[in-house]
Amino acid sequence: MKARLFCLLLLTLALTGCSGMRIVDSDVRAYTAAQGITVPASYRFERLPSQLAQPEQRDDLETVVQTELDKVGMRLDETAPLYSVRLDLRVHKDPRSPWDDPRYSAGFFQGFPVMTRHGVLYQYPAPFLVMEMPWYRREISLLIRRLADGLLVYETRAASDGYWADDAAVVPAMVEAALRDFPNPPPGPRRISIEIPR
């Protein structure tokens, strides 16, 4: 009976750990022009010719940004907008974390270097596999321009990195961080942490 209770407790702890929250840390810089933006206001999305190549991905990103802009008093209006919003998302996948041990290569631990009495350096490979985890670096930028005179009135950038591969969960948290304190952000860089489900 005690063994069953212990196993049940262990299983409960394991499932609780897997169903928790994770934190997306974003380094944010935001700038506003002297005139700024008065909300509520209307906008349209601006797409560069290079951004027209993958319309489905672009639509998904614009949907995420539209949701966050709605929360801060900006509404999408393709017919008579006051502002244009230009988006840029960059995702870079590194084969390993910047803090990974360089002796791990191609999934194998390469062993420790050994110096002989003749000054020759040898490495003895270890016989076990090591699982490498890629490292993702993401950066999103939003530029808001007043259409009447073309003045850039708001700029914000958020950068985040980590092991999480699911852009669909991480990017909305980054957009939320980028638009924190819109339209009057504090000066200087900030680190904003957003909790998202695992």
Foldseek 3Di string as FASTA:
>chain_A
DVVVVVVVVVVVVVVVVQWAKDKWKKKKAKDFDPVFDDAQFEEEEDDDPVRVPDVVVVVLLVVLLQVLVVVVHYHYDPPDGQKYKYKDKDKDKAQADPPDDPCQDPFWRFADWDQDPVRDIDTDTDDDGDDGAIKMKMKMKMWMAGPVVRHTGMIMMIITMDRDDDCSFNVSVRSNVRCPPPPDDDHDIDMDMDMDTD
